[in-house]
Amino acid sequence: MKIQILGAGCTKCKTLSAHAEAAVKALGMKAVVEKVDKITDIMKFGVITTPALVVNGKVKSAGKVLSVAEIKKFLE
């Protein structure tokens, strides 16, 4: 599974990334959590507001810092 966090490195982006890593760990999954910070790469997903969560190439959330529990729902 590939999880991407889209954002320029702001506090919200870092928090979402930490929550994603915690969700992966809590579920005992093997997944790669990748940070995407280049604007041109973020735009390819059609995301206007960050942070955004992308799971296996599909945008699951944008403009919101999801909790660990919310992210776990997308990963299960």
Protein backbone atom coordinates (compact mmCIF):
# COMPACT_ATOMS: atom_id res chain seq x y z
CA MET A 1 0.00 0.00 0.00
CA LYS A 2 1.22 3.46 -0.85
CA ILE A 3 0.14 6.44 1.23
CA GLN A 4 1.03 9.96 0.15
CA ILE A 5 0.75 13.15 2.14
CA LEU A 6 0.40 16.18 -0.11
CA GLY A 7 1.58 19.50 1.28
CA ALA A 8 4.37 22.03 1.36
CA GLY A 9 5.66 21.03 4.79
CA CYS A 10 3.42 23.13 7.04
CA THR A 11 2.51 22.08 10.56
CA LYS A 12 -0.79 20.57 9.41
CA CYS A 13 1.00 18.51 6.76
CA LYS A 14 3.49 17.20 9.31
CA THR A 15 0.66 16.32 11.70
CA LEU A 16 -1.25 14.45 8.99
CA SER A 17 1.92 12.55 8.10
CA ALA A 18 2.47 11.57 11.74
CA HIS A 19 -1.15 10.45 12.03
CA ALA A 20 -0.84 8.35 8.87
CA GLU A 21 2.30 6.66 10.18
CA ALA A 22 0.56 5.98 13.50
CA ALA A 23 -2.45 4.48 11.70
CA VAL A 24 -0.23 2.17 9.65
CA LYS A 25 1.61 1.08 12.78
CA ALA A 26 -1.63 0.54 14.75
CA LEU A 27 -3.01 -1.67 11.98
CA GLY A 28 0.26 -3.58 11.65
CA MET A 29 0.30 -2.93 7.91
CA LYS A 30 3.16 -2.77 5.48
CA ALA A 31 2.83 0.58 3.78
CA VAL A 32 5.01 3.35 2.50
CA VAL A 33 4.17 6.85 3.74
CA GLU A 34 5.56 9.35 1.26
CA LYS A 35 5.56 13.13 1.50
CA VAL A 36 4.81 15.03 -1.72
CA ASP A 37 5.81 18.68 -1.40
CA LYS A 38 6.36 19.93 -4.93
CA ILE A 39 3.45 22.07 -6.09
CA THR A 40 3.55 20.60 -9.61
CA ASP A 41 3.26 17.07 -8.21
CA ILE A 42 0.42 18.08 -5.87
CA MET A 43 -1.46 19.68 -8.76
CA LYS A 44 -1.39 16.36 -10.67
CA PHE A 45 -3.83 15.01 -8.07
CA GLY A 46 -6.23 17.92 -8.61
CA VAL A 47 -5.86 19.00 -4.99
CA ILE A 48 -6.33 22.70 -4.28
CA THR A 49 -6.12 22.71 -0.49
CA THR A 50 -3.56 20.89 1.60
CA PRO A 51 -2.84 18.80 3.50
CA ALA A 52 -4.24 15.91 1.53
CA LEU A 53 -4.21 12.16 2.04
CA VAL A 54 -3.78 9.89 -0.98
CA VAL A 55 -4.10 6.11 -0.70
CA ASN A 56 -2.97 4.00 -3.65
CA GLY A 57 -3.25 6.97 -6.00
CA LYS A 58 -6.74 8.07 -4.91
CA VAL A 59 -7.35 11.28 -2.96
CA LYS A 60 -9.21 10.40 0.23
CA SER A 61 -9.16 13.79 1.96
CA ALA A 62 -8.01 17.34 1.24
CA GLY A 63 -7.79 20.47 3.36
CA LYS A 64 -8.20 18.63 6.66
CA VAL A 65 -5.98 17.03 9.29
CA LEU A 66 -7.51 13.62 9.78
CA SER A 67 -7.25 11.81 13.10
CA VAL A 68 -5.50 8.45 13.37
CA ALA A 69 -8.93 6.78 13.67
CA GLU A 70 -10.21 8.48 10.50
CA ILE A 71 -7.14 7.40 8.55
CA LYS A 72 -7.47 3.83 9.82
CA LYS A 73 -10.95 3.67 8.27
CA PHE A 74 -9.48 4.48 4.84
CA LEU A 75 -6.77 1.82 5.27
CA GLU A 76 -8.91 -1.06 6.52
